[in-house]
Amino acid sequence: MSYNAKNYTEQGGEKTVIGGTLEIKEGALVTGIPSQFTPAANQSDSTATTIAGLVVDFNALLAKLKAAGLMAADS
């Protein structure tokens, strides 16, 4: 009987392979990543009844994503 692990660390510890699911539980901390994710501000459901109104709601969503750093700012 043999077993192939989907997640393993190669000999010497220089490389870890995740072939399965990596689950990070709430409250856990991952170090070494250059930036952290910031949730965007809530965007209410659109109640627009016109295309112009929908454009306003959509642009508000884009602005919130940019403010949170989840989307690059306009250049």
N, C-alpha and C. Protein backbone atom coordinates (compact mmCIF):
# COMPACT_ATOMS: atom_id res chain seq x y z
N MET A 1 0.85 -1.17 0.00
CA MET A 1 0.00 0.00 0.00
C MET A 1 0.90 1.23 0.00
N SER A 2 0.56 2.18 -0.85
CA SER A 2 1.33 3.43 -0.88
C SER A 2 0.36 4.60 -0.77
N TYR A 3 0.91 5.75 -0.45
CA TYR A 3 0.10 6.93 -0.25
C TYR A 3 0.82 8.12 -0.87
N ASN A 4 0.15 8.86 -1.73
CA ASN A 4 0.69 10.09 -2.29
C ASN A 4 -0.01 11.27 -1.64
N ALA A 5 0.75 12.07 -0.90
CA ALA A 5 0.19 13.25 -0.24
C ALA A 5 0.07 14.40 -1.23
N LYS A 6 -1.06 15.08 -1.22
CA LYS A 6 -1.24 16.24 -2.09
C LYS A 6 -0.50 17.45 -1.54
N ASN A 7 -0.40 17.55 -0.23
CA ASN A 7 0.28 18.66 0.43
C ASN A 7 1.54 18.10 1.09
N TYR A 8 2.69 18.67 0.76
CA TYR A 8 3.93 18.17 1.34
C TYR A 8 5.02 19.23 1.28
N THR A 9 6.02 19.06 2.13
CA THR A 9 7.20 19.91 2.11
C THR A 9 8.35 19.07 1.58
N GLU A 10 9.03 19.60 0.56
CA GLU A 10 10.13 18.86 -0.04
C GLU A 10 11.29 18.76 0.94
N GLN A 11 12.13 17.78 0.72
CA GLN A 11 13.27 17.56 1.58
C GLN A 11 14.11 18.82 1.65
N GLY A 12 14.48 19.21 2.84
CA GLY A 12 15.24 20.42 3.06
C GLY A 12 14.36 21.59 3.47
N GLY A 13 13.06 21.47 3.26
CA GLY A 13 12.11 22.47 3.74
C GLY A 13 12.04 23.75 2.93
N GLU A 14 12.69 23.80 1.76
CA GLU A 14 12.70 25.01 0.97
C GLU A 14 11.42 25.24 0.17
N LYS A 15 10.65 24.19 -0.04
CA LYS A 15 9.45 24.30 -0.88
C LYS A 15 8.33 23.46 -0.29
N THR A 16 7.15 24.09 -0.15
CA THR A 16 5.96 23.37 0.28
C THR A 16 4.97 23.39 -0.87
N VAL A 17 4.43 22.24 -1.19
CA VAL A 17 3.50 22.09 -2.29
C VAL A 17 2.10 21.89 -1.73
N ILE A 18 1.15 22.71 -2.20
CA ILE A 18 -0.25 22.56 -1.80
C ILE A 18 -1.00 22.07 -3.02
N GLY A 19 -1.33 20.80 -3.03
CA GLY A 19 -2.06 20.21 -4.14
C GLY A 19 -3.52 20.00 -3.80
N GLY A 20 -3.84 20.17 -2.54
CA GLY A 20 -5.22 20.05 -2.08
C GLY A 20 -5.74 21.43 -1.74
N THR A 21 -6.51 21.53 -0.70
CA THR A 21 -7.10 22.79 -0.27
C THR A 21 -6.32 23.35 0.91
N LEU A 22 -5.99 24.62 0.83
CA LEU A 22 -5.36 25.31 1.96
C LEU A 22 -6.45 26.14 2.63
N GLU A 23 -6.81 25.78 3.83
CA GLU A 23 -7.85 26.49 4.56
C GLU A 23 -7.21 27.29 5.68
N ILE A 24 -7.47 28.60 5.68
CA ILE A 24 -6.95 29.47 6.72
C ILE A 24 -8.13 29.87 7.58
N LYS A 25 -8.12 29.44 8.81
CA LYS A 25 -9.24 29.67 9.72
C LYS A 25 -9.30 31.14 10.15
N GLU A 26 -10.50 31.60 10.50
CA GLU A 26 -10.68 32.97 10.98
C GLU A 26 -9.79 33.20 12.18
N GLY A 27 -9.11 34.33 12.18
CA GLY A 27 -8.21 34.68 13.28
C GLY A 27 -6.79 34.22 13.05
N ALA A 28 -6.57 33.37 12.04
CA ALA A 28 -5.21 32.91 11.75
C ALA A 28 -4.43 34.04 11.09
N LEU A 29 -3.13 33.96 11.13
CA LEU A 29 -2.27 34.99 10.57
C LEU A 29 -1.31 34.36 9.59
N VAL A 30 -1.20 34.94 8.42
CA VAL A 30 -0.24 34.50 7.42
C VAL A 30 0.82 35.58 7.33
N THR A 31 2.07 35.20 7.51
CA THR A 31 3.15 36.19 7.46
C THR A 31 3.93 36.04 6.16
N GLY A 32 4.61 37.10 5.79
CA GLY A 32 5.46 37.07 4.61
C GLY A 32 4.78 37.51 3.33
N ILE A 33 3.50 37.83 3.39
CA ILE A 33 2.80 38.33 2.21
C ILE A 33 2.90 39.85 2.25
N PRO A 34 3.29 40.49 1.14
CA PRO A 34 3.57 41.92 1.18
C PRO A 34 2.38 42.81 1.50
N SER A 35 1.17 42.38 1.31
CA SER A 35 0.03 43.24 1.63
C SER A 35 -1.10 42.42 2.22
N GLN A 36 -1.96 43.09 2.95
CA GLN A 36 -3.12 42.42 3.51
C GLN A 36 -4.36 42.88 2.76
N PHE A 37 -5.36 42.07 2.76
CA PHE A 37 -6.60 42.41 2.08
C PHE A 37 -7.49 43.22 3.01
N THR A 38 -8.05 44.27 2.48
CA THR A 38 -8.95 45.13 3.21
C THR A 38 -10.33 45.02 2.58
N PRO A 39 -11.34 44.72 3.36
CA PRO A 39 -12.67 44.65 2.77
C PRO A 39 -13.09 46.02 2.24
N ALA A 40 -13.77 46.02 1.13
CA ALA A 40 -14.31 47.26 0.58
C ALA A 40 -15.53 47.66 1.39
N ALA A 41 -15.82 48.94 1.40
CA ALA A 41 -17.03 49.43 2.07
C ALA A 41 -18.25 48.81 1.39
N ASN A 42 -19.30 48.64 2.16
CA ASN A 42 -20.52 48.03 1.63
C ASN A 42 -21.12 48.88 0.53
N GLN A 43 -21.59 48.21 -0.51
CA GLN A 43 -22.33 48.87 -1.58
C GLN A 43 -23.74 48.31 -1.54
N SER A 44 -24.70 49.16 -1.28
CA SER A 44 -26.09 48.71 -1.21
C SER A 44 -26.54 48.15 -2.55
N ASP A 45 -27.52 47.27 -2.51
CA ASP A 45 -28.11 46.75 -3.74
C ASP A 45 -28.65 47.91 -4.56
N SER A 46 -28.47 47.83 -5.84
CA SER A 46 -28.97 48.88 -6.72
C SER A 46 -30.49 48.81 -6.82
N THR A 47 -31.09 49.96 -6.77
CA THR A 47 -32.53 50.07 -7.01
C THR A 47 -32.77 50.94 -8.24
N ALA A 48 -31.73 51.07 -9.06
CA ALA A 48 -31.82 51.91 -10.25
C ALA A 48 -32.91 51.42 -11.19
N THR A 49 -33.58 52.37 -11.78
CA THR A 49 -34.63 52.04 -12.75
C THR A 49 -34.27 52.55 -14.15
N THR A 50 -33.10 53.19 -14.23
CA THR A 50 -32.62 53.66 -15.52
C THR A 50 -31.15 53.26 -15.68
N ILE A 51 -30.69 53.27 -16.90
CA ILE A 51 -29.28 52.97 -17.15
C ILE A 51 -28.39 54.00 -16.46
N ALA A 52 -28.79 55.27 -16.52
CA ALA A 52 -28.01 56.33 -15.87
C ALA A 52 -27.89 56.08 -14.37
N GLY A 53 -28.97 55.65 -13.75
CA GLY A 53 -28.94 55.34 -12.32
C GLY A 53 -28.05 54.16 -12.02
N LEU A 54 -28.07 53.16 -12.88
CA LEU A 54 -27.21 52.00 -12.70
C LEU A 54 -25.75 52.37 -12.84
N VAL A 55 -25.44 53.28 -13.77
CA VAL A 55 -24.06 53.75 -13.94
C VAL A 55 -23.58 54.42 -12.66
N VAL A 56 -24.43 55.21 -12.03
CA VAL A 56 -24.06 55.88 -10.77
C VAL A 56 -23.75 54.83 -9.70
N ASP A 57 -24.61 53.83 -9.55
CA ASP A 57 -24.39 52.77 -8.56
C ASP A 57 -23.12 51.99 -8.86
N PHE A 58 -22.90 51.66 -10.11
CA PHE A 58 -21.72 50.89 -10.50
C PHE A 58 -20.44 51.68 -10.24
N ASN A 59 -20.45 52.97 -10.58
CA ASN A 59 -19.28 53.80 -10.33
C ASN A 59 -18.99 53.94 -8.84
N ALA A 60 -20.04 53.96 -8.02
CA ALA A 60 -19.85 53.99 -6.56
C ALA A 60 -19.16 52.71 -6.10
N LEU A 61 -19.54 51.58 -6.66
CA LEU A 61 -18.89 50.31 -6.32
C LEU A 61 -17.42 50.34 -6.73
N LEU A 62 -17.14 50.80 -7.94
CA LEU A 62 -15.75 50.88 -8.39
C LEU A 62 -14.92 51.77 -7.47
N ALA A 63 -15.47 52.90 -7.05
CA ALA A 63 -14.77 53.81 -6.16
C ALA A 63 -14.44 53.14 -4.82
N LYS A 64 -15.38 52.34 -4.31
CA LYS A 64 -15.14 51.65 -3.03
C LYS A 64 -14.08 50.57 -3.18
N LEU A 65 -14.06 49.87 -4.29
CA LEU A 65 -13.03 48.86 -4.52
C LEU A 65 -11.65 49.52 -4.62
N LYS A 66 -11.58 50.66 -5.29
CA LYS A 66 -10.30 51.38 -5.41
C LYS A 66 -9.85 51.91 -4.06
N ALA A 67 -10.78 52.46 -3.28
CA ALA A 67 -10.44 53.01 -1.96
C ALA A 67 -9.92 51.92 -1.02
N ALA A 68 -10.42 50.70 -1.17
CA ALA A 68 -9.99 49.59 -0.33
C ALA A 68 -8.68 48.97 -0.82
N GLY A 69 -8.21 49.41 -1.99
CA GLY A 69 -6.98 48.86 -2.53
C GLY A 69 -7.18 47.53 -3.24
N LEU A 70 -8.43 47.20 -3.56
CA LEU A 70 -8.73 45.94 -4.22
C LEU A 70 -8.74 46.08 -5.74
N MET A 71 -8.61 47.33 -6.21
CA MET A 71 -8.56 47.61 -7.64
C MET A 71 -7.59 48.77 -7.81
N ALA A 72 -6.80 48.70 -8.87
CA ALA A 72 -5.86 49.78 -9.14
C ALA A 72 -6.62 51.08 -9.40
N ALA A 73 -6.04 52.18 -8.92
CA ALA A 73 -6.64 53.49 -9.16
C ALA A 73 -6.50 53.87 -10.62
N ASP A 74 -7.34 54.79 -11.07
CA ASP A 74 -7.25 55.29 -12.44
C ASP A 74 -5.88 55.92 -12.66
N SER A 75 -5.36 55.74 -13.85
CA SER A 75 -4.04 56.34 -14.12
C SER A 75 -4.17 57.59 -14.93
